[in-house]
């Protein structure tokens, strides 16, 4: 083939790649975002007599959660998410070089766009924050949104972290007056493509997850509504949820789904602020108690040593 014709073919191929790269990464009805954005429909402004229903950014059609828009970059985002989850599960180091070599490949010029989108999906769906711990060598880690003692796995059989789903359920409970009926929780989960008795490709069987696994792990409390006949059930935060996250962190999570800030929901923001103040006071009281006990112990030891 003449050299000029080869050059034209290479130029045409570069233009094709550039056009593919400039495409939108896919509508936000994709699997990942739809899985979390449904929770925003329960973010209401309860101030005054007005009650404003916030609309989720994603489609409420459950079938939308079973597909992912396969534009060239969207495909790379999809693959990178699961590549990073694999690294998280196997505790292998995450490097820019590894992502470029194993996933990004010819789309290296769009590395930062793909990584940003993948990081958003990891945070909103799986509750994992992507952090660069070594800017010189471009080494990253995934950090669970809950306290470090929660490893994102409820059992040895778990494949991916359930933190994103847990944060969504905690958000529904918080925005429903700190106690949500089972019907209210399932209304949101249905919008995410989660149905009782139907196995989900990310979370498995959701009824077992939220009424048994998360309850057994003390992240959720699941109890019968008093005097309900036939029996009805409701969800509350469990003791580990109170210990390992806070209303402010859950509100930040829900606000991020809605592409806004916690102060956009003043009613919930004020409650979250009060919760933060109460937590700070409780921590201060606990520190004072520990210090008082240590001081009393030291005085007792000094007294016993001076009187043989």
C-alpha atoms as a PDB file:
ATOM      1  CA  UNK A   1       0.000   0.000   0.000  1.00  0.00           C
ATOM      2  CA  UNK A   2       1.405   3.433  -0.933  1.00  0.00           C
ATOM      3  CA  UNK A   3       2.774   5.470   1.963  1.00  0.00           C
ATOM      4  CA  UNK A   4       0.289   8.298   1.405  1.00  0.00           C
ATOM      5  CA  UNK A   5      -2.677   5.944   1.568  1.00  0.00           C
ATOM      6  CA  UNK A   6      -1.365   4.426   4.809  1.00  0.00           C
ATOM      7  CA  UNK A   7      -1.083   7.888   6.324  1.00  0.00           C
ATOM      8  CA  UNK A   8      -4.679   8.671   5.364  1.00  0.00           C
ATOM      9  CA  UNK A   9      -5.869   5.410   6.947  1.00  0.00           C
ATOM     10  CA  UNK A  10      -3.978   6.164  10.168  1.00  0.00           C
ATOM     11  CA  UNK A  11      -5.411   9.682  10.271  1.00  0.00           C
ATOM     12  CA  UNK A  12      -8.921   8.317   9.699  1.00  0.00           C
ATOM     13  CA  UNK A  13      -8.470   5.810  12.527  1.00  0.00           C
ATOM     14  CA  UNK A  14      -7.266   8.544  14.887  1.00  0.00           C
ATOM     15  CA  UNK A  15     -10.308  10.658  14.038  1.00  0.00           C
ATOM     16  CA  UNK A  16     -12.584   7.684  14.701  1.00  0.00           C
ATOM     17  CA  UNK A  17     -11.001   7.117  18.109  1.00  0.00           C
ATOM     18  CA  UNK A  18     -11.259  10.798  18.956  1.00  0.00           C
ATOM     19  CA  UNK A  19     -14.939  10.848  18.001  1.00  0.00           C
ATOM     20  CA  UNK A  20     -15.569   7.747  20.099  1.00  0.00           C
ATOM     21  CA  UNK A  21     -13.705   9.264  22.991  1.00  0.00           C
ATOM     22  CA  UNK A  22     -15.692  12.482  22.834  1.00  0.00           C
ATOM     23  CA  UNK A  23     -18.992  10.633  23.163  1.00  0.00           C
ATOM     24  CA  UNK A  24     -20.889  10.932  26.402  1.00  0.00           C
ATOM     25  CA  UNK A  25     -19.966   8.223  28.861  1.00  0.00           C
ATOM     26  CA  UNK A  26     -23.520   7.015  28.783  1.00  0.00           C
ATOM     27  CA  UNK A  27     -26.824   8.206  30.237  1.00  0.00           C
ATOM     28  CA  UNK A  28     -27.141   8.143  34.006  1.00  0.00           C
ATOM     29  CA  UNK A  29     -29.738   5.407  33.677  1.00  0.00           C
ATOM     30  CA  UNK A  30     -26.793   3.038  33.706  1.00  0.00           C
ATOM     31  CA  UNK A  31     -26.632   0.238  36.207  1.00  0.00           C
ATOM     32  CA  UNK A  32     -24.288   1.908  38.668  1.00  0.00           C
ATOM     33  CA  UNK A  33     -25.910   5.298  39.073  1.00  0.00           C
ATOM     34  CA  UNK A  34     -29.462   3.957  39.010  1.00  0.00           C
ATOM     35  CA  UNK A  35     -28.571   1.690  41.902  1.00  0.00           C
ATOM     36  CA  UNK A  36     -28.061   4.661  44.209  1.00  0.00           C
ATOM     37  CA  UNK A  37     -29.916   7.613  42.686  1.00  0.00           C
ATOM     38  CA  UNK A  38     -33.320   6.192  43.540  1.00  0.00           C
ATOM     39  CA  UNK A  39     -32.746   7.024  47.180  1.00  0.00           C
ATOM     40  CA  UNK A  40     -32.881  10.719  46.376  1.00  0.00           C
ATOM     41  CA  UNK A  41     -36.618  10.456  45.716  1.00  0.00           C
ATOM     42  CA  UNK A  42     -37.003  10.229  49.469  1.00  0.00           C
ATOM     43  CA  UNK A  43     -35.090  13.453  50.154  1.00  0.00           C
ATOM     44  CA  UNK A  44     -37.854  15.840  51.141  1.00  0.00           C
ATOM     45  CA  UNK A  45     -37.865  19.362  52.481  1.00  0.00           C
ATOM     46  CA  UNK A  46     -40.129  19.179  55.523  1.00  0.00           C
ATOM     47  CA  UNK A  47     -39.806  22.823  56.520  1.00  0.00           C
ATOM     48  CA  UNK A  48     -43.068  24.705  56.873  1.00  0.00           C
ATOM     49  CA  UNK A  49     -46.147  23.254  55.263  1.00  0.00           C
ATOM     50  CA  UNK A  50     -44.511  22.649  51.896  1.00  0.00           C
ATOM     51  CA  UNK A  51     -43.320  19.161  51.085  1.00  0.00           C
ATOM     52  CA  UNK A  52     -41.200  18.992  47.956  1.00  0.00           C
ATOM     53  CA  UNK A  53     -40.419  15.623  46.404  1.00  0.00           C
ATOM     54  CA  UNK A  54     -36.916  15.476  44.934  1.00  0.00           C
ATOM     55  CA  UNK A  55     -36.640  13.535  41.701  1.00  0.00           C
ATOM     56  CA  UNK A  56     -33.858  11.022  41.127  1.00  0.00           C
ATOM     57  CA  UNK A  57     -31.593  11.651  38.171  1.00  0.00           C
ATOM     58  CA  UNK A  58     -31.994   8.123  36.860  1.00  0.00           C
ATOM     59  CA  UNK A  59     -34.822   6.275  35.219  1.00  0.00           C
ATOM     60  CA  UNK A  60     -37.144   4.415  37.571  1.00  0.00           C
ATOM     61  CA  UNK A  61     -37.572   1.594  35.075  1.00  0.00           C
ATOM     62  CA  UNK A  62     -36.052  -1.525  36.722  1.00  0.00           C
ATOM     63  CA  UNK A  63     -34.947  -2.882  33.363  1.00  0.00           C
ATOM     64  CA  UNK A  64     -32.619   0.113  33.011  1.00  0.00           C
ATOM     65  CA  UNK A  65     -30.521  -1.280  35.854  1.00  0.00           C
ATOM     66  CA  UNK A  66     -29.769  -4.422  33.892  1.00  0.00           C
ATOM     67  CA  UNK A  67     -27.962  -2.673  31.059  1.00  0.00           C
ATOM     68  CA  UNK A  68     -25.039  -0.339  30.604  1.00  0.00           C
ATOM     69  CA  UNK A  69     -24.641   2.075  27.748  1.00  0.00           C
ATOM     70  CA  UNK A  70     -21.715   0.613  25.823  1.00  0.00           C
ATOM     71  CA  UNK A  71     -20.052   3.631  24.298  1.00  0.00           C
ATOM     72  CA  UNK A  72     -16.283   3.072  23.968  1.00  0.00           C
ATOM     73  CA  UNK A  73     -15.461   5.074  27.097  1.00  0.00           C
ATOM     74  CA  UNK A  74     -18.527   3.781  28.942  1.00  0.00           C
ATOM     75  CA  UNK A  75     -17.263   0.265  28.319  1.00  0.00           C
ATOM     76  CA  UNK A  76     -13.892   1.207  29.777  1.00  0.00           C
ATOM     77  CA  UNK A  77     -15.564   2.692  32.870  1.00  0.00           C
ATOM     78  CA  UNK A  78     -17.543  -0.522  33.328  1.00  0.00           C
ATOM     79  CA  UNK A  79     -14.425  -2.693  33.036  1.00  0.00           C
ATOM     80  CA  UNK A  80     -12.339  -0.425  35.263  1.00  0.00           C
ATOM     81  CA  UNK A  81     -14.921  -0.563  38.059  1.00  0.00           C
ATOM     82  CA  UNK A  82     -14.700  -4.336  38.202  1.00  0.00           C
ATOM     83  CA  UNK A  83     -10.929  -4.311  37.765  1.00  0.00           C
ATOM     84  CA  UNK A  84     -10.691  -2.039  40.815  1.00  0.00           C
ATOM     85  CA  UNK A  85     -13.147  -4.207  42.772  1.00  0.00           C
ATOM     86  CA  UNK A  86     -10.983  -7.227  41.998  1.00  0.00           C
ATOM     87  CA  UNK A  87      -7.929  -5.368  43.296  1.00  0.00           C
ATOM     88  CA  UNK A  88      -9.870  -4.379  46.410  1.00  0.00           C
ATOM     89  CA  UNK A  89     -10.955  -7.939  47.124  1.00  0.00           C
ATOM     90  CA  UNK A  90      -7.507  -9.434  46.534  1.00  0.00           C
ATOM     91  CA  UNK A  91      -5.773  -6.542  48.363  1.00  0.00           C
ATOM     92  CA  UNK A  92      -3.423  -6.064  45.419  1.00  0.00           C
ATOM     93  CA  UNK A  93      -1.870  -2.633  44.787  1.00  0.00           C
ATOM     94  CA  UNK A  94      -3.690  -0.301  42.403  1.00  0.00           C
ATOM     95  CA  UNK A  95      -1.420   1.657  40.086  1.00  0.00           C
ATOM     96  CA  UNK A  96      -1.948   3.998  37.170  1.00  0.00           C
ATOM     97  CA  UNK A  97       0.439   1.879  35.100  1.00  0.00           C
ATOM     98  CA  UNK A  98      -1.646  -1.232  35.799  1.00  0.00           C
ATOM     99  CA  UNK A  99      -4.903   0.496  34.881  1.00  0.00           C
ATOM    100  CA  UNK A 100      -3.413   1.832  31.633  1.00  0.00           C
ATOM    101  CA  UNK A 101      -1.928  -1.513  30.686  1.00  0.00           C
ATOM    102  CA  UNK A 102      -4.845  -3.778  31.650  1.00  0.00           C
ATOM    103  CA  UNK A 103      -7.926  -1.635  31.044  1.00  0.00           C
ATOM    104  CA  UNK A 104      -7.458   1.797  29.443  1.00  0.00           C
ATOM    105  CA  UNK A 105      -5.079   0.740  26.660  1.00  0.00           C
ATOM    106  CA  UNK A 106      -5.583   2.882  23.515  1.00  0.00           C
ATOM    107  CA  UNK A 107      -7.762   5.384  25.415  1.00  0.00           C
ATOM    108  CA  UNK A 108      -4.907   6.564  27.623  1.00  0.00           C
ATOM    109  CA  UNK A 109      -5.611  10.193  26.666  1.00  0.00           C
ATOM    110  CA  UNK A 110      -8.947   9.821  28.473  1.00  0.00           C
ATOM    111  CA  UNK A 111      -7.496   8.160  31.572  1.00  0.00           C
ATOM    112  CA  UNK A 112      -8.579  10.901  34.004  1.00  0.00           C
ATOM    113  CA  UNK A 113     -12.124  11.006  32.611  1.00  0.00           C
ATOM    114  CA  UNK A 114     -12.518   7.229  32.844  1.00  0.00           C
ATOM    115  CA  UNK A 115     -10.982   7.095  36.326  1.00  0.00           C
ATOM    116  CA  UNK A 116     -13.231   9.900  37.590  1.00  0.00           C
ATOM    117  CA  UNK A 117     -16.380   8.174  36.330  1.00  0.00           C
ATOM    118  CA  UNK A 118     -15.274   4.812  37.725  1.00  0.00           C
ATOM    119  CA  UNK A 119     -14.516   6.449  41.081  1.00  0.00           C
ATOM    120  CA  UNK A 120     -18.001   7.976  41.174  1.00  0.00           C
ATOM    121  CA  UNK A 121     -19.592   4.581  40.536  1.00  0.00           C
ATOM    122  CA  UNK A 122     -17.444   2.917  43.202  1.00  0.00           C
ATOM    123  CA  UNK A 123     -18.497   5.528  45.735  1.00  0.00           C
ATOM    124  CA  UNK A 124     -22.220   5.622  44.965  1.00  0.00           C
ATOM    125  CA  UNK A 125     -22.817   1.918  44.452  1.00  0.00           C
ATOM    126  CA  UNK A 126     -20.202   0.182  46.585  1.00  0.00           C
ATOM    127  CA  UNK A 127     -19.413   2.861  49.160  1.00  0.00           C
ATOM    128  CA  UNK A 128     -15.705   2.917  48.301  1.00  0.00           C
ATOM    129  CA  UNK A 129     -13.635   6.097  48.068  1.00  0.00           C
ATOM    130  CA  UNK A 130     -10.707   6.175  45.620  1.00  0.00           C
ATOM    131  CA  UNK A 131      -7.634   7.890  47.094  1.00  0.00           C
ATOM    132  CA  UNK A 132      -4.200   8.504  45.576  1.00  0.00           C
ATOM    133  CA  UNK A 133      -1.710   7.686  48.336  1.00  0.00           C
ATOM    134  CA  UNK A 134       1.491   8.170  46.327  1.00  0.00           C
ATOM    135  CA  UNK A 135       1.239  10.970  43.729  1.00  0.00           C
ATOM    136  CA  UNK A 136       4.790  10.335  42.513  1.00  0.00           C
ATOM    137  CA  UNK A 137       4.282   6.666  41.691  1.00  0.00           C
ATOM    138  CA  UNK A 138       0.516   7.065  41.109  1.00  0.00           C
ATOM    139  CA  UNK A 139      -0.556   4.427  43.621  1.00  0.00           C
ATOM    140  CA  UNK A 140      -4.191   4.341  44.725  1.00  0.00           C
ATOM    141  CA  UNK A 141      -6.240   2.657  47.447  1.00  0.00           C
ATOM    142  CA  UNK A 142      -9.961   2.062  47.917  1.00  0.00           C
ATOM    143  CA  UNK A 143     -11.257   3.076  51.347  1.00  0.00           C
ATOM    144  CA  UNK A 144     -14.616   1.985  52.730  1.00  0.00           C
ATOM    145  CA  UNK A 145     -16.964   4.841  53.629  1.00  0.00           C
ATOM    146  CA  UNK A 146     -17.688   3.229  56.972  1.00  0.00           C
ATOM    147  CA  UNK A 147     -15.135   3.060  59.742  1.00  0.00           C
ATOM    148  CA  UNK A 148     -11.995   0.985  58.994  1.00  0.00           C
ATOM    149  CA  UNK A 149     -13.186  -1.994  61.057  1.00  0.00           C
ATOM    150  CA  UNK A 150     -15.882  -2.655  58.462  1.00  0.00           C
ATOM    151  CA  UNK A 151     -14.225  -4.393  55.531  1.00  0.00           C
ATOM    152  CA  UNK A 152     -17.211  -4.219  53.203  1.00  0.00           C
ATOM    153  CA  UNK A 153     -17.857  -7.933  53.379  1.00  0.00           C
ATOM    154  CA  UNK A 154     -20.622  -9.459  55.441  1.00  0.00           C
ATOM    155  CA  UNK A 155     -19.456 -13.031  54.991  1.00  0.00           C
ATOM    156  CA  UNK A 156     -16.844 -15.096  53.245  1.00  0.00           C
ATOM    157  CA  UNK A 157     -19.301 -15.592  50.386  1.00  0.00           C
ATOM    158  CA  UNK A 158     -19.677 -11.890  49.638  1.00  0.00           C
ATOM    159  CA  UNK A 159     -18.290 -10.793  46.274  1.00  0.00           C
ATOM    160  CA  UNK A 160     -18.465  -6.990  46.483  1.00  0.00           C
ATOM    161  CA  UNK A 161     -18.930  -4.467  49.282  1.00  0.00           C
ATOM    162  CA  UNK A 162     -22.545  -3.728  50.212  1.00  0.00           C
ATOM    163  CA  UNK A 163     -21.719  -0.354  51.776  1.00  0.00           C
ATOM    164  CA  UNK A 164     -23.408   1.648  49.001  1.00  0.00           C
ATOM    165  CA  UNK A 165     -26.692  -0.212  49.445  1.00  0.00           C
ATOM    166  CA  UNK A 166     -26.426   0.077  53.236  1.00  0.00           C
ATOM    167  CA  UNK A 167     -25.845   3.845  52.999  1.00  0.00           C
ATOM    168  CA  UNK A 168     -28.912   4.126  50.764  1.00  0.00           C
ATOM    169  CA  UNK A 169     -31.118   2.238  53.242  1.00  0.00           C
ATOM    170  CA  UNK A 170     -29.715   4.300  56.134  1.00  0.00           C
ATOM    171  CA  UNK A 171     -30.576   7.404  54.108  1.00  0.00           C
ATOM    172  CA  UNK A 172     -34.186   6.285  53.645  1.00  0.00           C
ATOM    173  CA  UNK A 173     -34.475   5.643  57.393  1.00  0.00           C
ATOM    174  CA  UNK A 174     -32.943   9.034  58.228  1.00  0.00           C
ATOM    175  CA  UNK A 175     -35.199  10.965  55.856  1.00  0.00           C
ATOM    176  CA  UNK A 176     -38.310   9.157  57.128  1.00  0.00           C
ATOM    177  CA  UNK A 177     -37.922  10.357  60.698  1.00  0.00           C
ATOM    178  CA  UNK A 178     -35.260   7.785  61.716  1.00  0.00           C
ATOM    179  CA  UNK A 179     -37.704   4.911  61.284  1.00  0.00           C
ATOM    180  CA  UNK A 180     -38.808   3.668  57.845  1.00  0.00           C
ATOM    181  CA  UNK A 181     -41.498   1.112  57.129  1.00  0.00           C
ATOM    182  CA  UNK A 182     -40.594  -1.922  55.060  1.00  0.00           C
ATOM    183  CA  UNK A 183     -42.851  -0.599  52.290  1.00  0.00           C
ATOM    184  CA  UNK A 184     -40.924   2.694  52.175  1.00  0.00           C
ATOM    185  CA  UNK A 185     -37.591   0.918  51.966  1.00  0.00           C
ATOM    186  CA  UNK A 186     -38.750  -1.436  49.219  1.00  0.00           C
ATOM    187  CA  UNK A 187     -40.213   1.452  47.240  1.00  0.00           C
ATOM    188  CA  UNK A 188     -36.685   2.857  46.912  1.00  0.00           C
ATOM    189  CA  UNK A 189     -35.051  -0.534  46.381  1.00  0.00           C
ATOM    190  CA  UNK A 190     -37.545  -1.331  43.601  1.00  0.00           C
ATOM    191  CA  UNK A 191     -36.453   1.827  41.783  1.00  0.00           C
ATOM    192  CA  UNK A 192     -32.914   0.460  42.008  1.00  0.00           C
ATOM    193  CA  UNK A 193     -33.955  -2.820  40.389  1.00  0.00           C
ATOM    194  CA  UNK A 194     -33.960  -4.719  43.690  1.00  0.00           C
ATOM    195  CA  UNK A 195     -36.931  -6.985  44.436  1.00  0.00           C
ATOM    196  CA  UNK A 196     -37.540  -9.509  47.222  1.00  0.00           C
ATOM    197  CA  UNK A 197     -36.856 -13.039  46.060  1.00  0.00           C
ATOM    198  CA  UNK A 198     -35.138 -11.910  42.854  1.00  0.00           C
ATOM    199  CA  UNK A 199     -31.358 -12.278  42.803  1.00  0.00           C
ATOM    200  CA  UNK A 200     -29.537  -9.080  41.871  1.00  0.00           C
ATOM    201  CA  UNK A 201     -26.299  -9.345  39.910  1.00  0.00           C
ATOM    202  CA  UNK A 202     -24.462  -7.093  42.382  1.00  0.00           C
ATOM    203  CA  UNK A 203     -26.158  -7.596  45.753  1.00  0.00           C
ATOM    204  CA  UNK A 204     -27.582 -11.105  45.529  1.00  0.00           C
ATOM    205  CA  UNK A 205     -30.989 -11.754  47.115  1.00  0.00           C
ATOM    206  CA  UNK A 206     -31.929  -8.358  48.616  1.00  0.00           C
ATOM    207  CA  UNK A 207     -34.507  -9.469  51.201  1.00  0.00           C
ATOM    208  CA  UNK A 208     -31.978 -11.766  52.850  1.00  0.00           C
ATOM    209  CA  UNK A 209     -29.363  -9.013  52.707  1.00  0.00           C
ATOM    210  CA  UNK A 210     -31.399  -6.288  54.418  1.00  0.00           C
ATOM    211  CA  UNK A 211     -33.550  -8.354  56.797  1.00  0.00           C
ATOM    212  CA  UNK A 212     -30.985 -10.965  57.862  1.00  0.00           C
ATOM    213  CA  UNK A 213     -27.359 -10.235  56.919  1.00  0.00           C
ATOM    214  CA  UNK A 214     -27.285  -6.515  57.723  1.00  0.00           C
ATOM    215  CA  UNK A 215     -29.451  -7.130  60.801  1.00  0.00           C
ATOM    216  CA  UNK A 216     -27.150  -9.907  62.012  1.00  0.00           C
ATOM    217  CA  UNK A 217     -24.183  -7.571  61.543  1.00  0.00           C
ATOM    218  CA  UNK A 218     -26.043  -4.957  63.672  1.00  0.00           C
ATOM    219  CA  UNK A 219     -26.118  -2.345  60.883  1.00  0.00           C
ATOM    220  CA  UNK A 220     -29.903  -2.426  60.688  1.00  0.00           C
ATOM    221  CA  UNK A 221     -32.698  -3.117  63.142  1.00  0.00           C
ATOM    222  CA  UNK A 222     -35.729  -4.890  61.703  1.00  0.00           C
ATOM    223  CA  UNK A 223     -38.787  -5.135  63.962  1.00  0.00           C
ATOM    224  CA  UNK A 224     -42.528  -5.583  63.842  1.00  0.00           C
ATOM    225  CA  UNK A 225     -44.637  -2.432  63.984  1.00  0.00           C
ATOM    226  CA  UNK A 226     -46.383  -2.317  67.357  1.00  0.00           C
ATOM    227  CA  UNK A 227     -50.003  -3.569  67.298  1.00  0.00           C
ATOM    228  CA  UNK A 228     -49.903  -4.193  63.540  1.00  0.00           C
ATOM    229  CA  UNK A 229     -52.377  -6.841  62.352  1.00  0.00           C
ATOM    230  CA  UNK A 230     -51.549  -8.296  59.903  1.00  0.00           C
ATOM    231  CA  UNK A 231     -47.915  -7.895  60.982  1.00  0.00           C
ATOM    232  CA  UNK A 232     -45.972  -5.043  59.355  1.00  0.00           C
ATOM    233  CA  UNK A 233     -42.276  -4.322  59.779  1.00  0.00           C
ATOM    234  CA  UNK A 234     -39.988  -1.304  59.973  1.00  0.00           C
ATOM    235  CA  UNK A 235     -36.270  -0.525  59.809  1.00  0.00           C
ATOM    236  CA  UNK A 236     -34.071   1.529  62.127  1.00  0.00           C
ATOM    237  CA  UNK A 237     -30.330   2.159  62.298  1.00  0.00           C
ATOM    238  CA  UNK A 238     -28.512  -0.606  64.153  1.00  0.00           C
ATOM    239  CA  UNK A 239     -25.826   0.018  66.805  1.00  0.00           C
ATOM    240  CA  UNK A 240     -22.948  -0.493  64.358  1.00  0.00           C
ATOM    241  CA  UNK A 241     -24.439   2.037  61.957  1.00  0.00           C
ATOM    242  CA  UNK A 242     -24.560   4.586  64.787  1.00  0.00           C
ATOM    243  CA  UNK A 243     -20.968   3.727  65.723  1.00  0.00           C
ATOM    244  CA  UNK A 244     -19.411   3.605  62.248  1.00  0.00           C
ATOM    245  CA  UNK A 245     -21.172   6.379  60.346  1.00  0.00           C
ATOM    246  CA  UNK A 246     -23.289   9.434  61.095  1.00  0.00           C
ATOM    247  CA  UNK A 247     -26.306  11.306  59.814  1.00  0.00           C
ATOM    248  CA  UNK A 248     -23.999  13.916  58.298  1.00  0.00           C
ATOM    249  CA  UNK A 249     -22.009  11.319  56.357  1.00  0.00           C
ATOM    250  CA  UNK A 250     -25.203   9.667  55.111  1.00  0.00           C
ATOM    251  CA  UNK A 251     -26.589  13.068  54.109  1.00  0.00           C
ATOM    252  CA  UNK A 252     -23.345  13.851  52.258  1.00  0.00           C
ATOM    253  CA  UNK A 253     -23.693  10.525  50.434  1.00  0.00           C
ATOM    254  CA  UNK A 254     -27.291  11.253  49.382  1.00  0.00           C
ATOM    255  CA  UNK A 255     -26.444  14.827  48.414  1.00  0.00           C
ATOM    256  CA  UNK A 256     -23.620  13.619  46.200  1.00  0.00           C
ATOM    257  CA  UNK A 257     -26.019  11.289  44.407  1.00  0.00           C
ATOM    258  CA  UNK A 258     -28.186  14.323  43.693  1.00  0.00           C
ATOM    259  CA  UNK A 259     -25.159  16.346  42.566  1.00  0.00           C
ATOM    260  CA  UNK A 260     -25.604  18.922  45.303  1.00  0.00           C
ATOM    261  CA  UNK A 261     -24.450  19.667  48.871  1.00  0.00           C
ATOM    262  CA  UNK A 262     -25.972  18.728  52.252  1.00  0.00           C
ATOM    263  CA  UNK A 263     -27.079  22.328  52.925  1.00  0.00           C
ATOM    264  CA  UNK A 264     -29.480  21.994  49.991  1.00  0.00           C
ATOM    265  CA  UNK A 265     -31.646  19.989  52.410  1.00  0.00           C
ATOM    266  CA  UNK A 266     -31.782  22.367  55.414  1.00  0.00           C
ATOM    267  CA  UNK A 267     -34.198  20.307  57.509  1.00  0.00           C
ATOM    268  CA  UNK A 268     -31.978  17.218  57.402  1.00  0.00           C
ATOM    269  CA  UNK A 269     -28.795  19.287  57.575  1.00  0.00           C
ATOM    270  CA  UNK A 270     -29.858  20.875  60.867  1.00  0.00           C
ATOM    271  CA  UNK A 271     -30.674  17.457  62.315  1.00  0.00           C
ATOM    272  CA  UNK A 272     -27.314  16.131  61.118  1.00  0.00           C
ATOM    273  CA  UNK A 273     -25.544  19.098  62.754  1.00  0.00           C
ATOM    274  CA  UNK A 274     -27.288  18.387  66.060  1.00  0.00           C
ATOM    275  CA  UNK A 275     -26.213  14.771  65.758  1.00  0.00           C
ATOM    276  CA  UNK A 276     -22.596  15.856  65.169  1.00  0.00           C
ATOM    277  CA  UNK A 277     -22.697  18.063  68.282  1.00  0.00           C
ATOM    278  CA  UNK A 278     -24.135  15.255  70.408  1.00  0.00           C
ATOM    279  CA  UNK A 279     -21.454  12.891  69.147  1.00  0.00           C
ATOM    280  CA  UNK A 280     -18.715  15.402  69.976  1.00  0.00           C
ATOM    281  CA  UNK A 281     -20.094  15.854  73.489  1.00  0.00           C
ATOM    282  CA  UNK A 282     -20.305  12.090  73.983  1.00  0.00           C
ATOM    283  CA  UNK A 283     -16.687  11.650  72.849  1.00  0.00           C
ATOM    284  CA  UNK A 284     -15.535  14.418  75.189  1.00  0.00           C
ATOM    285  CA  UNK A 285     -17.410  12.863  78.106  1.00  0.00           C
ATOM    286  CA  UNK A 286     -15.907   9.452  77.322  1.00  0.00           C
ATOM    287  CA  UNK A 287     -12.384  10.915  77.215  1.00  0.00           C
ATOM    288  CA  UNK A 288     -12.972  12.709  80.533  1.00  0.00           C
ATOM    289  CA  UNK A 289     -14.218   9.484  82.130  1.00  0.00           C
ATOM    290  CA  UNK A 290     -11.188   7.538  80.891  1.00  0.00           C
ATOM    291  CA  UNK A 291      -8.850  10.246  82.178  1.00  0.00           C
ATOM    292  CA  UNK A 292     -10.582  10.287  85.574  1.00  0.00           C
ATOM    293  CA  UNK A 293     -10.307   6.500  85.887  1.00  0.00           C
ATOM    294  CA  UNK A 294      -6.631   6.592  84.915  1.00  0.00           C
ATOM    295  CA  UNK A 295      -5.952   9.327  87.462  1.00  0.00           C
ATOM    296  CA  UNK A 296      -7.762   7.447  90.221  1.00  0.00           C
ATOM    297  CA  UNK A 297      -5.833   4.286  89.378  1.00  0.00           C
ATOM    298  CA  UNK A 298      -2.530   6.166  89.476  1.00  0.00           C
ATOM    299  CA  UNK A 299      -3.378   7.689  92.876  1.00  0.00           C
ATOM    300  CA  UNK A 300      -4.345   4.284  94.236  1.00  0.00           C
ATOM    301  CA  UNK A 301      -1.074   2.739  93.037  1.00  0.00           C
ATOM    302  CA  UNK A 302       0.946   5.629  94.522  1.00  0.00           C
ATOM    303  CA  UNK A 303      -0.864   5.284  97.836  1.00  0.00           C
ATOM    304  CA  UNK A 304      -0.295   1.523  98.036  1.00  0.00           C
ATOM    305  CA  UNK A 305       3.404   1.863  97.219  1.00  0.00           C
ATOM    306  CA  UNK A 306       3.909   4.455  99.987  1.00  0.00           C
ATOM    307  CA  UNK A 307       2.301   2.205 102.605  1.00  0.00           C
ATOM    308  CA  UNK A 308       3.925  -1.213 102.413  1.00  0.00           C
END
